């Protein structure tokens, strides 16, 4: 005897039997090529990361400037010190092993403390950057930028009015259109007055006399220049116009020319 649950219709199980069975899910097809590519990407990324870490951690000894050296001066051994930098810096730093060769060269630019030495900063030619001298300026507030100056800054030097009137140049005259700061001694250092900053600058030899004269009178102001710029030369002062009441120079009077009569009709 069969029950209603065992009945079949056209050889297929009844609806009640079909509902109680789990329909099989087709298995996901795996792609070996994609799996291999994913593994290669993971391994490659790990190798690149490891290389970058190792490269960034690899450091080499190079030459750094321990004390300022003026342009044109021979570089002394005391001005050199060893520092470690990343090997991936990409700049032409001079290795510390070449320090003996560096002491036989001359500075083509003013070398400031802390700078990393490159081949463009030195030359074996002693005539390079000659013709410059170092001059000291005693500056008070108002004679220099409020933010201060640093060795290596490009500055212009102007004449300003002094109390004694001994500057030798008219106020506003450009004394040096493109000087370079060599050293800075701030208030409280080396017994400097509290309101005074001593700044040493390098200027061409032909500009040194007027700069030193103005400096000795305290009649120099310093202006910071943008990189690669220099101050324009002082414009020619126009001739003063005569004031009212001043005597005008007399103009020569034209004398009338008389013709002597000869008596001839």
C-alpha atoms as a PDB file:
ATOM      1  CA  UNK A   1       0.000   0.000   0.000  1.00  0.00           C
ATOM      2  CA  UNK A   2       1.361   3.348  -1.001  1.00  0.00           C
ATOM      3  CA  UNK A   3       0.819   6.638   0.715  1.00  0.00           C
ATOM      4  CA  UNK A   4       0.289  10.013  -0.844  1.00  0.00           C
ATOM      5  CA  UNK A   5       3.904  10.978  -0.125  1.00  0.00           C
ATOM      6  CA  UNK A   6       5.169   8.084  -2.280  1.00  0.00           C
ATOM      7  CA  UNK A   7       3.151   8.957  -5.310  1.00  0.00           C
ATOM      8  CA  UNK A   8       5.002   9.975  -8.446  1.00  0.00           C
ATOM      9  CA  UNK A   9       3.728  11.835 -11.395  1.00  0.00           C
ATOM     10  CA  UNK A  10       5.290  11.025 -14.753  1.00  0.00           C
ATOM     11  CA  UNK A  11       8.351   9.469 -13.105  1.00  0.00           C
ATOM     12  CA  UNK A  12       9.227  12.604 -11.086  1.00  0.00           C
ATOM     13  CA  UNK A  13       8.970  12.983  -7.326  1.00  0.00           C
ATOM     14  CA  UNK A  14       5.996  14.822  -6.031  1.00  0.00           C
ATOM     15  CA  UNK A  15       6.159  18.441  -4.925  1.00  0.00           C
ATOM     16  CA  UNK A  16       6.352  17.438  -1.283  1.00  0.00           C
ATOM     17  CA  UNK A  17       9.379  15.239  -1.872  1.00  0.00           C
ATOM     18  CA  UNK A  18      11.172  17.892  -3.987  1.00  0.00           C
ATOM     19  CA  UNK A  19      10.794  20.517  -1.294  1.00  0.00           C
ATOM     20  CA  UNK A  20      12.573  18.397   1.278  1.00  0.00           C
ATOM     21  CA  UNK A  21      15.704  17.826  -0.831  1.00  0.00           C
ATOM     22  CA  UNK A  22      18.742  20.251  -1.137  1.00  0.00           C
ATOM     23  CA  UNK A  23      19.421  21.454  -4.621  1.00  0.00           C
ATOM     24  CA  UNK A  24      23.122  20.881  -5.456  1.00  0.00           C
ATOM     25  CA  UNK A  25      25.213  24.066  -6.051  1.00  0.00           C
ATOM     26  CA  UNK A  26      27.692  23.928  -8.941  1.00  0.00           C
ATOM     27  CA  UNK A  27      31.317  24.037  -7.799  1.00  0.00           C
ATOM     28  CA  UNK A  28      33.215  27.306  -8.448  1.00  0.00           C
ATOM     29  CA  UNK A  29      35.675  27.000 -11.250  1.00  0.00           C
ATOM     30  CA  UNK A  30      39.225  27.859 -10.189  1.00  0.00           C
ATOM     31  CA  UNK A  31      41.634  29.726 -12.508  1.00  0.00           C
ATOM     32  CA  UNK A  32      45.242  28.705 -11.833  1.00  0.00           C
ATOM     33  CA  UNK A  33      46.631  31.604 -13.897  1.00  0.00           C
ATOM     34  CA  UNK A  34      44.922  34.262 -11.784  1.00  0.00           C
ATOM     35  CA  UNK A  35      46.074  32.628  -8.575  1.00  0.00           C
ATOM     36  CA  UNK A  36      49.658  32.524  -9.807  1.00  0.00           C
ATOM     37  CA  UNK A  37      49.500  36.196 -10.807  1.00  0.00           C
ATOM     38  CA  UNK A  38      48.233  37.175  -7.368  1.00  0.00           C
ATOM     39  CA  UNK A  39      51.097  35.295  -5.728  1.00  0.00           C
ATOM     40  CA  UNK A  40      53.634  37.019  -7.988  1.00  0.00           C
ATOM     41  CA  UNK A  41      52.227  40.449  -7.166  1.00  0.00           C
ATOM     42  CA  UNK A  42      52.398  39.798  -3.448  1.00  0.00           C
ATOM     43  CA  UNK A  43      55.958  38.486  -3.619  1.00  0.00           C
ATOM     44  CA  UNK A  44      57.065  41.330  -5.922  1.00  0.00           C
ATOM     45  CA  UNK A  45      55.602  43.982  -3.633  1.00  0.00           C
ATOM     46  CA  UNK A  46      57.367  42.462  -0.655  1.00  0.00           C
ATOM     47  CA  UNK A  47      60.704  42.463  -2.502  1.00  0.00           C
ATOM     48  CA  UNK A  48      60.328  46.108  -3.590  1.00  0.00           C
ATOM     49  CA  UNK A  49      59.442  47.178  -0.050  1.00  0.00           C
ATOM     50  CA  UNK A  50      62.448  45.336   1.335  1.00  0.00           C
ATOM     51  CA  UNK A  51      64.752  47.007  -1.213  1.00  0.00           C
ATOM     52  CA  UNK A  52      63.457  50.480  -0.405  1.00  0.00           C
ATOM     53  CA  UNK A  53      63.918  49.906   3.303  1.00  0.00           C
ATOM     54  CA  UNK A  54      67.468  48.664   2.794  1.00  0.00           C
ATOM     55  CA  UNK A  55      68.338  51.507   0.387  1.00  0.00           C
ATOM     56  CA  UNK A  56      66.963  54.191   2.696  1.00  0.00           C
ATOM     57  CA  UNK A  57      68.874  52.741   5.599  1.00  0.00           C
ATOM     58  CA  UNK A  58      72.185  52.642   3.706  1.00  0.00           C
ATOM     59  CA  UNK A  59      74.192  55.764   4.517  1.00  0.00           C
ATOM     60  CA  UNK A  60      77.544  57.000   3.287  1.00  0.00           C
ATOM     61  CA  UNK A  61      80.070  59.451   4.808  1.00  0.00           C
ATOM     62  CA  UNK A  62      80.386  62.830   3.044  1.00  0.00           C
ATOM     63  CA  UNK A  63      82.018  66.200   3.755  1.00  0.00           C
ATOM     64  CA  UNK A  64      80.145  68.909   5.643  1.00  0.00           C
ATOM     65  CA  UNK A  65      81.356  72.439   6.425  1.00  0.00           C
ATOM     66  CA  UNK A  66      82.241  72.891  10.096  1.00  0.00           C
ATOM     67  CA  UNK A  67      83.078  76.608   9.942  1.00  0.00           C
ATOM     68  CA  UNK A  68      82.505  79.371   7.363  1.00  0.00           C
ATOM     69  CA  UNK A  69      84.951  79.759   4.481  1.00  0.00           C
ATOM     70  CA  UNK A  70      84.906  82.918   2.375  1.00  0.00           C
ATOM     71  CA  UNK A  71      84.778  82.715  -1.393  1.00  0.00           C
ATOM     72  CA  UNK A  72      88.273  82.595  -2.862  1.00  0.00           C
ATOM     73  CA  UNK A  73      89.914  81.229   0.285  1.00  0.00           C
ATOM     74  CA  UNK A  74      91.722  77.910   0.422  1.00  0.00           C
ATOM     75  CA  UNK A  75      89.670  75.389   2.367  1.00  0.00           C
ATOM     76  CA  UNK A  76      91.408  74.367   5.623  1.00  0.00           C
ATOM     77  CA  UNK A  77      91.091  70.908   7.133  1.00  0.00           C
ATOM     78  CA  UNK A  78      89.556  72.436  10.265  1.00  0.00           C
ATOM     79  CA  UNK A  79      86.569  73.559   8.187  1.00  0.00           C
ATOM     80  CA  UNK A  80      85.643  69.972   7.257  1.00  0.00           C
ATOM     81  CA  UNK A  81      83.734  67.362   9.211  1.00  0.00           C
ATOM     82  CA  UNK A  82      82.191  63.977   8.468  1.00  0.00           C
ATOM     83  CA  UNK A  83      78.439  63.420   8.287  1.00  0.00           C
ATOM     84  CA  UNK A  84      76.331  60.452   7.197  1.00  0.00           C
ATOM     85  CA  UNK A  85      73.724  60.915   4.453  1.00  0.00           C
ATOM     86  CA  UNK A  86      71.414  58.588   2.569  1.00  0.00           C
ATOM     87  CA  UNK A  87      73.003  56.896  -0.425  1.00  0.00           C
ATOM     88  CA  UNK A  88      69.918  57.718  -2.503  1.00  0.00           C
ATOM     89  CA  UNK A  89      70.324  61.489  -2.125  1.00  0.00           C
ATOM     90  CA  UNK A  90      71.100  61.939  -5.826  1.00  0.00           C
ATOM     91  CA  UNK A  91      73.411  64.977  -5.316  1.00  0.00           C
ATOM     92  CA  UNK A  92      77.100  65.214  -6.084  1.00  0.00           C
ATOM     93  CA  UNK A  93      78.298  65.199  -2.487  1.00  0.00           C
ATOM     94  CA  UNK A  94      82.045  64.822  -2.012  1.00  0.00           C
ATOM     95  CA  UNK A  95      82.956  61.624  -0.092  1.00  0.00           C
ATOM     96  CA  UNK A  96      84.730  61.984   3.225  1.00  0.00           C
ATOM     97  CA  UNK A  97      87.594  59.906   1.808  1.00  0.00           C
ATOM     98  CA  UNK A  98      88.475  62.844  -0.515  1.00  0.00           C
ATOM     99  CA  UNK A  99      88.970  65.362   2.301  1.00  0.00           C
ATOM    100  CA  UNK A 100      92.731  65.578   1.693  1.00  0.00           C
ATOM    101  CA  UNK A 101      92.110  66.624  -1.914  1.00  0.00           C
ATOM    102  CA  UNK A 102      89.568  69.209  -0.807  1.00  0.00           C
ATOM    103  CA  UNK A 103      92.137  70.993   1.367  1.00  0.00           C
ATOM    104  CA  UNK A 104      94.097  71.739  -1.821  1.00  0.00           C
ATOM    105  CA  UNK A 105      91.170  73.572  -3.417  1.00  0.00           C
ATOM    106  CA  UNK A 106      89.564  77.019  -3.116  1.00  0.00           C
ATOM    107  CA  UNK A 107      85.976  77.959  -2.376  1.00  0.00           C
ATOM    108  CA  UNK A 108      84.120  79.312  -5.410  1.00  0.00           C
ATOM    109  CA  UNK A 109      81.275  80.555  -3.183  1.00  0.00           C
ATOM    110  CA  UNK A 110      80.973  81.427   0.471  1.00  0.00           C
ATOM    111  CA  UNK A 111      80.743  78.128   2.363  1.00  0.00           C
ATOM    112  CA  UNK A 112      78.437  78.315   5.367  1.00  0.00           C
ATOM    113  CA  UNK A 113      78.436  76.090   8.412  1.00  0.00           C
ATOM    114  CA  UNK A 114      76.412  72.915   7.969  1.00  0.00           C
ATOM    115  CA  UNK A 115      76.454  72.919   4.165  1.00  0.00           C
ATOM    116  CA  UNK A 116      77.199  69.638   2.391  1.00  0.00           C
ATOM    117  CA  UNK A 117      80.136  70.108   0.044  1.00  0.00           C
ATOM    118  CA  UNK A 118      79.681  69.477  -3.684  1.00  0.00           C
ATOM    119  CA  UNK A 119      82.110  69.734  -6.592  1.00  0.00           C
ATOM    120  CA  UNK A 120      80.472  72.941  -7.776  1.00  0.00           C
ATOM    121  CA  UNK A 121      81.546  74.720  -4.578  1.00  0.00           C
ATOM    122  CA  UNK A 122      85.294  74.195  -5.013  1.00  0.00           C
ATOM    123  CA  UNK A 123      87.965  74.755  -7.644  1.00  0.00           C
ATOM    124  CA  UNK A 124      91.666  74.081  -7.984  1.00  0.00           C
ATOM    125  CA  UNK A 125      92.096  77.535  -9.556  1.00  0.00           C
ATOM    126  CA  UNK A 126      93.201  80.017  -6.924  1.00  0.00           C
ATOM    127  CA  UNK A 127      91.963  82.953  -9.009  1.00  0.00           C
ATOM    128  CA  UNK A 128      88.321  81.871  -8.708  1.00  0.00           C
ATOM    129  CA  UNK A 129      86.247  84.284  -6.615  1.00  0.00           C
ATOM    130  CA  UNK A 130      89.282  86.422  -5.835  1.00  0.00           C
ATOM    131  CA  UNK A 131      88.724  90.108  -5.418  1.00  0.00           C
ATOM    132  CA  UNK A 132      86.367  89.833  -2.438  1.00  0.00           C
ATOM    133  CA  UNK A 133      86.944  90.967   1.123  1.00  0.00           C
ATOM    134  CA  UNK A 134      85.133  90.353   4.403  1.00  0.00           C
ATOM    135  CA  UNK A 135      83.799  93.435   6.230  1.00  0.00           C
ATOM    136  CA  UNK A 136      82.147  93.580   9.639  1.00  0.00           C
ATOM    137  CA  UNK A 137      78.954  95.560  10.225  1.00  0.00           C
ATOM    138  CA  UNK A 138      77.591  96.535  13.645  1.00  0.00           C
ATOM    139  CA  UNK A 139      73.835  96.700  13.107  1.00  0.00           C
ATOM    140  CA  UNK A 140      71.036  97.828  15.387  1.00  0.00           C
ATOM    141  CA  UNK A 141      67.278  97.243  15.098  1.00  0.00           C
ATOM    142  CA  UNK A 142      66.032  98.965  11.973  1.00  0.00           C
ATOM    143  CA  UNK A 143      69.277  98.433  10.085  1.00  0.00           C
ATOM    144  CA  UNK A 144      68.521  94.814   9.144  1.00  0.00           C
ATOM    145  CA  UNK A 145      65.454  92.584   8.575  1.00  0.00           C
ATOM    146  CA  UNK A 146      63.506  91.776  11.730  1.00  0.00           C
ATOM    147  CA  UNK A 147      63.729  88.059  10.954  1.00  0.00           C
ATOM    148  CA  UNK A 148      67.505  88.199  11.190  1.00  0.00           C
ATOM    149  CA  UNK A 149      70.188  87.039   8.776  1.00  0.00           C
ATOM    150  CA  UNK A 150      71.894  83.719   8.181  1.00  0.00           C
ATOM    151  CA  UNK A 151      75.307  82.904   6.689  1.00  0.00           C
ATOM    152  CA  UNK A 152      74.948  82.561   2.947  1.00  0.00           C
ATOM    153  CA  UNK A 153      72.136  85.114   2.591  1.00  0.00           C
ATOM    154  CA  UNK A 154      72.385  87.508  -0.355  1.00  0.00           C
ATOM    155  CA  UNK A 155      71.975  91.098   0.784  1.00  0.00           C
ATOM    156  CA  UNK A 156      72.262  94.649  -0.479  1.00  0.00           C
ATOM    157  CA  UNK A 157      73.982  97.361   1.554  1.00  0.00           C
ATOM    158  CA  UNK A 158      72.581 100.898   1.599  1.00  0.00           C
ATOM    159  CA  UNK A 159      73.934 104.118   3.058  1.00  0.00           C
ATOM    160  CA  UNK A 160      71.737 105.731   5.700  1.00  0.00           C
ATOM    161  CA  UNK A 161      71.965 108.955   7.659  1.00  0.00           C
ATOM    162  CA  UNK A 162      74.180 108.882  10.723  1.00  0.00           C
ATOM    163  CA  UNK A 163      74.307 111.120  13.753  1.00  0.00           C
ATOM    164  CA  UNK A 164      77.821 112.279  13.017  1.00  0.00           C
ATOM    165  CA  UNK A 165      77.218 112.695   9.307  1.00  0.00           C
ATOM    166  CA  UNK A 166      80.463 110.881   8.511  1.00  0.00           C
ATOM    167  CA  UNK A 167      79.079 108.136   6.257  1.00  0.00           C
ATOM    168  CA  UNK A 168      80.635 109.689   3.151  1.00  0.00           C
ATOM    169  CA  UNK A 169      77.688 108.743   0.920  1.00  0.00           C
ATOM    170  CA  UNK A 170      74.254 110.231   0.434  1.00  0.00           C
ATOM    171  CA  UNK A 171      71.446 108.447   2.265  1.00  0.00           C
ATOM    172  CA  UNK A 172      69.873 105.813   0.039  1.00  0.00           C
ATOM    173  CA  UNK A 173      72.994 105.183  -2.010  1.00  0.00           C
ATOM    174  CA  UNK A 174      73.625 101.532  -2.867  1.00  0.00           C
ATOM    175  CA  UNK A 175      76.986 100.674  -1.340  1.00  0.00           C
ATOM    176  CA  UNK A 176      77.014  97.013  -2.411  1.00  0.00           C
ATOM    177  CA  UNK A 177      74.231  95.649  -4.649  1.00  0.00           C
ATOM    178  CA  UNK A 178      74.995  91.970  -4.028  1.00  0.00           C
ATOM    179  CA  UNK A 179      76.933  91.111  -0.877  1.00  0.00           C
ATOM    180  CA  UNK A 180      76.958  87.739   0.881  1.00  0.00           C
ATOM    181  CA  UNK A 181      76.549  87.191   4.617  1.00  0.00           C
ATOM    182  CA  UNK A 182      79.666  85.439   5.908  1.00  0.00           C
ATOM    183  CA  UNK A 183      78.938  85.204   9.636  1.00  0.00           C
ATOM    184  CA  UNK A 184      76.440  86.494  12.203  1.00  0.00           C
ATOM    185  CA  UNK A 185      77.110  87.158  15.902  1.00  0.00           C
ATOM    186  CA  UNK A 186      73.892  87.833  17.796  1.00  0.00           C
ATOM    187  CA  UNK A 187      73.378  89.881  20.980  1.00  0.00           C
ATOM    188  CA  UNK A 188      74.875  88.243  24.040  1.00  0.00           C
ATOM    189  CA  UNK A 189      77.465  86.292  22.052  1.00  0.00           C
ATOM    190  CA  UNK A 190      81.134  87.235  22.400  1.00  0.00           C
ATOM    191  CA  UNK A 191      80.270  90.204  24.637  1.00  0.00           C
ATOM    192  CA  UNK A 192      78.174  91.868  21.926  1.00  0.00           C
ATOM    193  CA  UNK A 193      75.862  94.662  23.108  1.00  0.00           C
ATOM    194  CA  UNK A 194      72.287  93.658  23.796  1.00  0.00           C
ATOM    195  CA  UNK A 195      70.901  95.867  21.015  1.00  0.00           C
ATOM    196  CA  UNK A 196      73.565  95.123  18.427  1.00  0.00           C
ATOM    197  CA  UNK A 197      74.167  92.348  15.893  1.00  0.00           C
ATOM    198  CA  UNK A 198      77.542  91.933  14.225  1.00  0.00           C
ATOM    199  CA  UNK A 199      77.262  90.750  10.625  1.00  0.00           C
ATOM    200  CA  UNK A 200      80.281  89.946   8.467  1.00  0.00           C
ATOM    201  CA  UNK A 201      79.720  90.245   4.719  1.00  0.00           C
ATOM    202  CA  UNK A 202      81.824  89.603   1.632  1.00  0.00           C
ATOM    203  CA  UNK A 203      81.906  92.398  -0.946  1.00  0.00           C
ATOM    204  CA  UNK A 204      84.043  93.087  -4.032  1.00  0.00           C
ATOM    205  CA  UNK A 205      87.279  94.931  -3.390  1.00  0.00           C
ATOM    206  CA  UNK A 206      86.209  98.018  -5.334  1.00  0.00           C
ATOM    207  CA  UNK A 207      83.158  98.434  -3.075  1.00  0.00           C
ATOM    208  CA  UNK A 208      85.070  97.929   0.172  1.00  0.00           C
ATOM    209  CA  UNK A 209      86.189 101.558   0.813  1.00  0.00           C
ATOM    210  CA  UNK A 210      82.702 103.088   0.817  1.00  0.00           C
ATOM    211  CA  UNK A 211      81.264 100.156   2.787  1.00  0.00           C
ATOM    212  CA  UNK A 212      83.931 100.365   5.487  1.00  0.00           C
ATOM    213  CA  UNK A 213      83.547 104.140   5.762  1.00  0.00           C
ATOM    214  CA  UNK A 214      79.796 103.857   6.197  1.00  0.00           C
ATOM    215  CA  UNK A 215      80.180 100.922   8.580  1.00  0.00           C
ATOM    216  CA  UNK A 216      82.556 102.827  10.849  1.00  0.00           C
ATOM    217  CA  UNK A 217      79.939 105.590  11.124  1.00  0.00           C
ATOM    218  CA  UNK A 218      77.110 103.124  11.772  1.00  0.00           C
ATOM    219  CA  UNK A 219      75.436 104.324   8.588  1.00  0.00           C
ATOM    220  CA  UNK A 220      74.731 101.009   6.816  1.00  0.00           C
ATOM    221  CA  UNK A 221      71.386  99.274   6.365  1.00  0.00           C
ATOM    222  CA  UNK A 222      71.063  95.696   5.117  1.00  0.00           C
ATOM    223  CA  UNK A 223      68.270  94.474   2.832  1.00  0.00           C
ATOM    224  CA  UNK A 224      67.687  90.777   2.158  1.00  0.00           C
ATOM    225  CA  UNK A 225      67.623  89.906  -1.560  1.00  0.00           C
ATOM    226  CA  UNK A 226      65.681  87.148  -3.323  1.00  0.00           C
ATOM    227  CA  UNK A 227      67.852  84.348  -4.759  1.00  0.00           C
ATOM    228  CA  UNK A 228      69.684  85.439  -7.900  1.00  0.00           C
ATOM    229  CA  UNK A 229      68.719  89.116  -7.565  1.00  0.00           C
ATOM    230  CA  UNK A 230      70.758  92.232  -6.867  1.00  0.00           C
ATOM    231  CA  UNK A 231      69.805  95.737  -5.882  1.00  0.00           C
ATOM    232  CA  UNK A 232      69.495  98.319  -8.668  1.00  0.00           C
ATOM    233  CA  UNK A 233      72.113 101.002  -8.714  1.00  0.00           C
ATOM    234  CA  UNK A 234      71.210 104.341  -7.193  1.00  0.00           C
ATOM    235  CA  UNK A 235      69.487 106.620  -9.713  1.00  0.00           C
ATOM    236  CA  UNK A 236      71.233 109.822 -10.679  1.00  0.00           C
ATOM    237  CA  UNK A 237      70.076 112.649  -8.447  1.00  0.00           C
ATOM    238  CA  UNK A 238      68.440 115.512 -10.419  1.00  0.00           C
ATOM    239  CA  UNK A 239      70.009 118.932 -10.190  1.00  0.00           C
ATOM    240  CA  UNK A 240      68.304 121.073  -7.528  1.00  0.00           C
ATOM    241  CA  UNK A 241      65.915 123.684  -8.918  1.00  0.00           C
ATOM    242  CA  UNK A 242      66.707 127.291  -8.008  1.00  0.00           C
ATOM    243  CA  UNK A 243      64.729 128.669  -5.107  1.00  0.00           C
ATOM    244  CA  UNK A 244      62.664 131.833  -5.285  1.00  0.00           C
ATOM    245  CA  UNK A 245      64.776 134.871  -4.571  1.00  0.00           C
ATOM    246  CA  UNK A 246      68.001 133.294  -5.781  1.00  0.00           C
ATOM    247  CA  UNK A 247      69.896 135.419  -8.239  1.00  0.00           C
ATOM    248  CA  UNK A 248      69.678 134.130 -11.774  1.00  0.00           C
ATOM    249  CA  UNK A 249      72.879 134.093 -13.760  1.00  0.00           C
ATOM    250  CA  UNK A 250      73.030 137.055 -16.089  1.00  0.00           C
ATOM    251  CA  UNK A 251      72.748 136.257 -19.767  1.00  0.00           C
ATOM    252  CA  UNK A 252      75.191 137.920 -22.113  1.00  0.00           C
ATOM    253  CA  UNK A 253      73.607 140.902 -23.870  1.00  0.00           C
ATOM    254  CA  UNK A 254      73.846 141.090 -27.627  1.00  0.00           C
ATOM    255  CA  UNK A 255      75.553 144.318 -28.718  1.00  0.00           C
ATOM    256  CA  UNK A 256      74.024 146.079 -31.713  1.00  0.00           C
ATOM    257  CA  UNK A 257      76.236 146.036 -34.778  1.00  0.00           C
ATOM    258  CA  UNK A 258      76.649 149.424 -36.415  1.00  0.00           C
ATOM    259  CA  UNK A 259      77.657 149.821 -40.017  1.00  0.00           C
ATOM    260  CA  UNK A 260      79.952 152.678 -40.870  1.00  0.00           C
ATOM    261  CA  UNK A 261      78.826 154.677 -43.790  1.00  0.00           C
ATOM    262  CA  UNK A 262      81.403 155.048 -46.514  1.00  0.00           C
ATOM    263  CA  UNK A 263      79.729 158.073 -48.061  1.00  0.00           C
ATOM    264  CA  UNK A 264      79.329 156.291 -51.381  1.00  0.00           C
ATOM    265  CA  UNK A 265      75.900 156.913 -52.929  1.00  0.00           C
END
